[in-house]
Each structure stands twice: as structure tokens, then as C-alpha cells.
Amino acid sequence: MPVGDWQFWVVSILAIGGAVLLFRQFRPVRRKKARTQLTISAKKRD
């Protein structure tokens, strides 16, 4: 491996970045659900 060559590192970084993007396409992202407070405008019955 030509680890002293700058082109090797550029291509390696691009390949790793492409692999990460490809991996993210197949793995669902878990997002935190936004919690909301209920607002009720009707008056309570007695």
C-alpha cells in the first residue's frame, strides 16, 4: 500500500465516506419523538 502517497489518502477518505452514506441508507435513523402537551379548549362538565 502506498501510504505515503496523498492520492491514496484522498481515495481512501472518499471510499469510507461513500460506505458511510451507503450504510445510512439501509439503517433507519432513530429520532426522538417530540413530546407535546395536550391543549383542550372546551370547558369541563360538572
C-alpha atoms as a PDB file:
ATOM      1  CA  MET A   1       0.000   0.000   0.000  1.00  0.00           C
ATOM      2  CA  PRO A   2       1.331   3.409  -0.901  1.00  0.00           C
ATOM      3  CA  VAL A   3       0.604   5.103   2.436  1.00  0.00           C
ATOM      4  CA  GLY A   4       2.999   7.939   1.609  1.00  0.00           C
ATOM      5  CA  ASP A   5       1.008   8.964  -1.466  1.00  0.00           C
ATOM      6  CA  TRP A   6      -1.566  11.750  -0.968  1.00  0.00           C
ATOM      7  CA  GLN A   7      -3.843  10.279  -3.632  1.00  0.00           C
ATOM      8  CA  PHE A   8      -4.141   7.078  -1.616  1.00  0.00           C
ATOM      9  CA  TRP A   9      -5.480   9.035   1.354  1.00  0.00           C
ATOM     10  CA  VAL A  10      -7.913  11.079  -0.758  1.00  0.00           C
ATOM     11  CA  VAL A  11      -9.370   7.972  -2.358  1.00  0.00           C
ATOM     12  CA  SER A  12      -9.477   6.147   0.991  1.00  0.00           C
ATOM     13  CA  ILE A  13     -11.377   9.004   2.663  1.00  0.00           C
ATOM     14  CA  LEU A  14     -13.828   9.192  -0.250  1.00  0.00           C
ATOM     15  CA  ALA A  15     -14.371   5.425  -0.122  1.00  0.00           C
ATOM     16  CA  ILE A  16     -15.007   5.495   3.636  1.00  0.00           C
ATOM     17  CA  GLY A  17     -17.404   8.430   3.214  1.00  0.00           C
ATOM     18  CA  GLY A  18     -19.263   6.596   0.465  1.00  0.00           C
ATOM     19  CA  ALA A  19     -19.515   3.468   2.595  1.00  0.00           C
ATOM     20  CA  VAL A  20     -20.925   5.504   5.490  1.00  0.00           C
ATOM     21  CA  LEU A  21     -23.529   7.124   3.230  1.00  0.00           C
ATOM     22  CA  LEU A  22     -24.479   3.746   1.790  1.00  0.00           C
ATOM     23  CA  PHE A  23     -24.746   2.232   5.278  1.00  0.00           C
ATOM     24  CA  ARG A  24     -27.013   5.074   6.422  1.00  0.00           C
ATOM     25  CA  GLN A  25     -29.427   4.348   3.563  1.00  0.00           C
ATOM     26  CA  PHE A  26     -30.103   0.834   4.840  1.00  0.00           C
ATOM     27  CA  ARG A  27     -30.134   1.623   8.562  1.00  0.00           C
ATOM     28  CA  PRO A  28     -33.171   3.505   9.872  1.00  0.00           C
ATOM     29  CA  VAL A  29     -32.343   6.585  11.892  1.00  0.00           C
ATOM     30  CA  ARG A  30     -33.852   6.589  15.350  1.00  0.00           C
ATOM     31  CA  ARG A  31     -35.150  10.003  16.190  1.00  0.00           C
ATOM     32  CA  LYS A  32     -36.532  11.080  19.498  1.00  0.00           C
ATOM     33  CA  LYS A  33     -40.233  11.669  19.345  1.00  0.00           C
ATOM     34  CA  ALA A  34     -41.236  15.210  20.141  1.00  0.00           C
ATOM     35  CA  ARG A  35     -43.494  15.309  23.164  1.00  0.00           C
ATOM     36  CA  THR A  36     -46.366  17.733  23.033  1.00  0.00           C
ATOM     37  CA  GLN A  37     -48.762  18.837  25.682  1.00  0.00           C
ATOM     38  CA  LEU A  38     -52.451  18.410  25.058  1.00  0.00           C
ATOM     39  CA  THR A  39     -54.465  21.567  24.953  1.00  0.00           C
ATOM     40  CA  ILE A  40     -58.203  21.345  25.329  1.00  0.00           C
ATOM     41  CA  SER A  41     -60.254  24.457  24.806  1.00  0.00           C
ATOM     42  CA  ALA A  42     -63.627  23.022  25.879  1.00  0.00           C
ATOM     43  CA  LYS A  43     -64.910  23.643  29.376  1.00  0.00           C
ATOM     44  CA  LYS A  44     -65.232  20.730  31.786  1.00  0.00           C
ATOM     45  CA  ARG A  45     -68.666  19.392  32.594  1.00  0.00           C
ATOM     46  CA  ASP A  46     -69.797  19.436  36.204  1.00  0.00           C
END
